[in-house]
N, C-alpha and C. Protein backbone atom coordinates (compact mmCIF):
# COMPACT_ATOMS: atom_id res chain seq x y z
N MET A 1 6.78 3.27 9.58
CA MET A 1 6.54 4.11 8.41
C MET A 1 6.37 3.19 7.20
N LEU A 2 5.25 3.38 6.51
CA LEU A 2 4.99 2.66 5.24
C LEU A 2 5.27 3.60 4.13
N GLU A 3 6.11 3.19 3.17
CA GLU A 3 6.43 3.96 2.05
C GLU A 3 6.05 3.19 0.79
N ILE A 4 5.32 3.87 -0.13
CA ILE A 4 4.83 3.16 -1.35
C ILE A 4 5.27 3.98 -2.55
N VAL A 5 5.90 3.26 -3.51
CA VAL A 5 6.12 3.88 -4.86
C VAL A 5 5.11 3.15 -5.75
N TYR A 6 4.35 3.92 -6.50
CA TYR A 6 3.28 3.29 -7.36
C TYR A 6 3.22 4.11 -8.66
N THR A 7 2.48 3.48 -9.58
CA THR A 7 2.22 4.15 -10.86
C THR A 7 0.76 3.86 -11.23
N ASP A 8 0.17 4.84 -11.92
CA ASP A 8 -1.20 4.63 -12.43
C ASP A 8 -1.14 4.66 -13.93
N GLY A 9 -0.02 4.24 -14.47
CA GLY A 9 0.17 4.19 -15.90
C GLY A 9 1.10 5.28 -16.40
N GLY A 10 1.40 6.23 -15.53
CA GLY A 10 2.31 7.33 -15.92
C GLY A 10 3.60 7.21 -15.18
N GLU A 11 4.10 8.33 -14.73
CA GLU A 11 5.39 8.34 -13.98
C GLU A 11 5.16 7.84 -12.60
N PRO A 12 6.18 7.12 -12.01
CA PRO A 12 6.06 6.68 -10.65
C PRO A 12 5.80 7.83 -9.66
N ALA A 13 5.03 7.61 -8.66
CA ALA A 13 4.82 8.60 -7.62
C ALA A 13 5.07 7.90 -6.24
N GLU A 14 5.19 8.69 -5.22
CA GLU A 14 5.47 8.13 -3.88
C GLU A 14 4.56 8.73 -2.86
N ILE A 15 4.18 7.87 -1.88
CA ILE A 15 3.32 8.35 -0.77
C ILE A 15 3.79 7.55 0.44
N SER A 16 3.65 8.23 1.59
CA SER A 16 4.01 7.67 2.89
C SER A 16 2.94 7.71 3.86
N TYR A 17 2.89 6.75 4.79
CA TYR A 17 1.96 6.71 5.85
C TYR A 17 2.68 6.48 7.15
N ALA A 18 2.20 6.97 8.22
CA ALA A 18 2.85 6.81 9.54
C ALA A 18 2.96 5.29 9.91
N SER A 19 1.99 4.52 9.48
CA SER A 19 1.97 3.13 9.73
C SER A 19 1.10 2.35 8.75
N ALA A 20 1.25 1.03 8.75
CA ALA A 20 0.44 0.22 7.85
C ALA A 20 -1.03 0.36 8.21
N LYS A 21 -1.30 0.50 9.51
CA LYS A 21 -2.74 0.63 9.93
C LYS A 21 -3.36 1.93 9.37
N ASP A 22 -2.52 3.00 9.29
CA ASP A 22 -3.03 4.24 8.68
C ASP A 22 -3.43 4.06 7.21
N PHE A 23 -2.55 3.32 6.47
CA PHE A 23 -2.82 3.02 5.06
C PHE A 23 -4.11 2.21 4.94
N VAL A 24 -4.29 1.14 5.76
CA VAL A 24 -5.44 0.29 5.71
C VAL A 24 -6.70 1.15 5.97
N ALA A 25 -6.67 1.95 7.04
CA ALA A 25 -7.80 2.82 7.38
C ALA A 25 -8.13 3.76 6.25
N ASN A 26 -7.10 4.35 5.63
CA ASN A 26 -7.35 5.27 4.51
C ASN A 26 -8.04 4.61 3.33
N GLN A 27 -7.56 3.39 3.02
CA GLN A 27 -8.19 2.72 1.87
C GLN A 27 -9.62 2.29 2.12
N GLN A 28 -10.07 2.34 3.35
CA GLN A 28 -11.45 2.00 3.68
C GLN A 28 -12.38 3.20 3.58
N LEU A 29 -11.81 4.35 3.35
CA LEU A 29 -12.61 5.58 3.20
C LEU A 29 -13.45 5.58 1.87
N GLU A 30 -14.49 6.35 1.86
CA GLU A 30 -15.30 6.41 0.66
C GLU A 30 -14.46 6.83 -0.57
N VAL A 31 -13.50 7.83 -0.27
CA VAL A 31 -12.58 8.27 -1.29
C VAL A 31 -11.15 8.09 -0.77
N PRO A 32 -10.56 6.97 -1.03
CA PRO A 32 -9.20 6.73 -0.55
C PRO A 32 -8.15 7.50 -1.31
N ASP A 33 -6.94 7.59 -0.76
CA ASP A 33 -5.82 8.31 -1.46
C ASP A 33 -5.48 7.62 -2.80
N LEU A 34 -5.50 6.32 -2.84
CA LEU A 34 -5.02 5.56 -3.96
C LEU A 34 -6.14 4.62 -4.50
N GLU A 35 -6.17 4.49 -5.85
CA GLU A 35 -7.14 3.56 -6.48
C GLU A 35 -6.55 2.11 -6.38
N ASP A 36 -7.50 1.19 -6.24
CA ASP A 36 -7.09 -0.25 -6.05
C ASP A 36 -6.21 -0.81 -7.21
N TYR A 37 -6.45 -0.26 -8.38
CA TYR A 37 -5.76 -0.84 -9.55
C TYR A 37 -4.33 -0.25 -9.79
N TYR A 38 -3.92 0.79 -9.07
CA TYR A 38 -2.55 1.29 -9.20
C TYR A 38 -1.57 0.18 -9.00
N VAL A 39 -0.49 0.24 -9.81
CA VAL A 39 0.56 -0.75 -9.68
C VAL A 39 1.61 -0.35 -8.64
N VAL A 40 1.93 -1.24 -7.73
CA VAL A 40 2.91 -0.96 -6.68
C VAL A 40 4.27 -1.31 -7.25
N VAL A 41 5.13 -0.33 -7.35
CA VAL A 41 6.48 -0.52 -7.89
C VAL A 41 7.38 -1.02 -6.73
N ASP A 42 7.18 -0.41 -5.52
CA ASP A 42 7.97 -0.73 -4.35
C ASP A 42 7.21 -0.35 -3.09
N ALA A 43 7.30 -1.14 -2.08
CA ALA A 43 6.68 -0.85 -0.80
C ALA A 43 7.59 -1.30 0.34
N THR A 44 7.73 -0.52 1.31
CA THR A 44 8.57 -0.84 2.46
C THR A 44 7.90 -0.44 3.77
N ILE A 45 8.16 -1.23 4.85
CA ILE A 45 7.74 -0.87 6.17
C ILE A 45 8.99 -0.70 6.97
N ASN A 46 9.24 0.47 7.48
CA ASN A 46 10.41 0.78 8.29
C ASN A 46 11.73 0.36 7.48
N GLY A 47 11.68 0.59 6.18
CA GLY A 47 12.90 0.28 5.37
C GLY A 47 12.94 -1.11 4.89
N LYS A 48 12.09 -2.01 5.35
CA LYS A 48 12.15 -3.43 4.97
C LYS A 48 11.16 -3.63 3.77
N PRO A 49 11.64 -4.21 2.69
CA PRO A 49 10.74 -4.41 1.52
C PRO A 49 9.60 -5.40 1.80
N ILE A 50 8.50 -5.14 1.18
CA ILE A 50 7.31 -6.03 1.27
C ILE A 50 7.24 -6.82 -0.09
N GLU A 51 7.16 -8.10 0.03
CA GLU A 51 7.11 -8.93 -1.18
C GLU A 51 5.57 -9.23 -1.42
N LEU A 52 5.09 -8.77 -2.57
CA LEU A 52 3.64 -8.95 -2.87
C LEU A 52 3.49 -9.93 -4.01
N GLU A 53 2.51 -10.74 -3.93
CA GLU A 53 2.11 -11.58 -5.09
C GLU A 53 1.23 -10.75 -6.03
N ASP A 54 0.32 -10.00 -5.52
CA ASP A 54 -0.51 -9.09 -6.30
C ASP A 54 0.06 -7.70 -6.14
N LYS A 55 0.72 -7.25 -7.19
CA LYS A 55 1.45 -5.93 -7.13
C LYS A 55 0.55 -4.76 -7.50
N THR A 56 -0.63 -4.69 -6.78
CA THR A 56 -1.51 -3.54 -6.91
C THR A 56 -1.76 -2.97 -5.50
N ILE A 57 -2.43 -1.82 -5.51
CA ILE A 57 -2.76 -1.20 -4.18
C ILE A 57 -3.74 -2.13 -3.47
N LEU A 58 -4.63 -2.79 -4.15
CA LEU A 58 -5.57 -3.76 -3.53
C LEU A 58 -4.79 -4.93 -2.98
N GLY A 59 -3.77 -5.39 -3.70
CA GLY A 59 -2.93 -6.49 -3.26
C GLY A 59 -2.20 -6.10 -1.99
N LEU A 60 -1.67 -4.93 -1.89
CA LEU A 60 -0.96 -4.37 -0.72
C LEU A 60 -1.93 -4.25 0.42
N TYR A 61 -3.14 -3.71 0.17
CA TYR A 61 -4.17 -3.59 1.20
C TYR A 61 -4.46 -5.00 1.77
N ASN A 62 -4.75 -5.95 0.93
CA ASN A 62 -5.07 -7.30 1.41
C ASN A 62 -3.94 -7.90 2.23
N PHE A 63 -2.69 -7.68 1.73
CA PHE A 63 -1.55 -8.28 2.46
C PHE A 63 -1.45 -7.62 3.86
N LEU A 64 -1.56 -6.31 3.92
CA LEU A 64 -1.38 -5.62 5.20
C LEU A 64 -2.57 -5.92 6.16
N GLU A 65 -3.75 -6.03 5.63
CA GLU A 65 -4.92 -6.31 6.45
C GLU A 65 -4.84 -7.73 7.01
N SER A 66 -4.33 -8.70 6.24
CA SER A 66 -4.17 -10.06 6.71
C SER A 66 -3.07 -10.10 7.80
N GLN A 67 -2.03 -9.28 7.62
CA GLN A 67 -0.96 -9.23 8.68
C GLN A 67 -1.50 -8.68 9.98
N GLU A 68 -2.34 -7.63 9.84
CA GLU A 68 -2.93 -6.99 10.99
C GLU A 68 -3.82 -7.97 11.77
N ARG A 69 -4.58 -8.80 11.06
CA ARG A 69 -5.48 -9.74 11.69
C ARG A 69 -4.71 -10.84 12.39
N SER A 70 -3.56 -11.18 11.86
CA SER A 70 -2.81 -12.26 12.49
C SER A 70 -1.94 -11.83 13.69
N GLU A 71 -1.90 -10.56 13.96
CA GLU A 71 -1.14 -10.04 15.13
C GLU A 71 -1.91 -10.27 16.38
């Protein structure tokens, strides 16, 4: 389970995906759930925090996609 707390300049919001692969696939859609520039406040996979250098949705996408390729 991937859980993301993010903000688009307003109040924090939360969204969950069944897996990191589901998030990556969704972000590749013509109209994804989340905009690339949204700020990631917190992200966890199965309760374990993800440390991001680029704390945006695009940064999270790039991190997870690189993890997926290295598996």
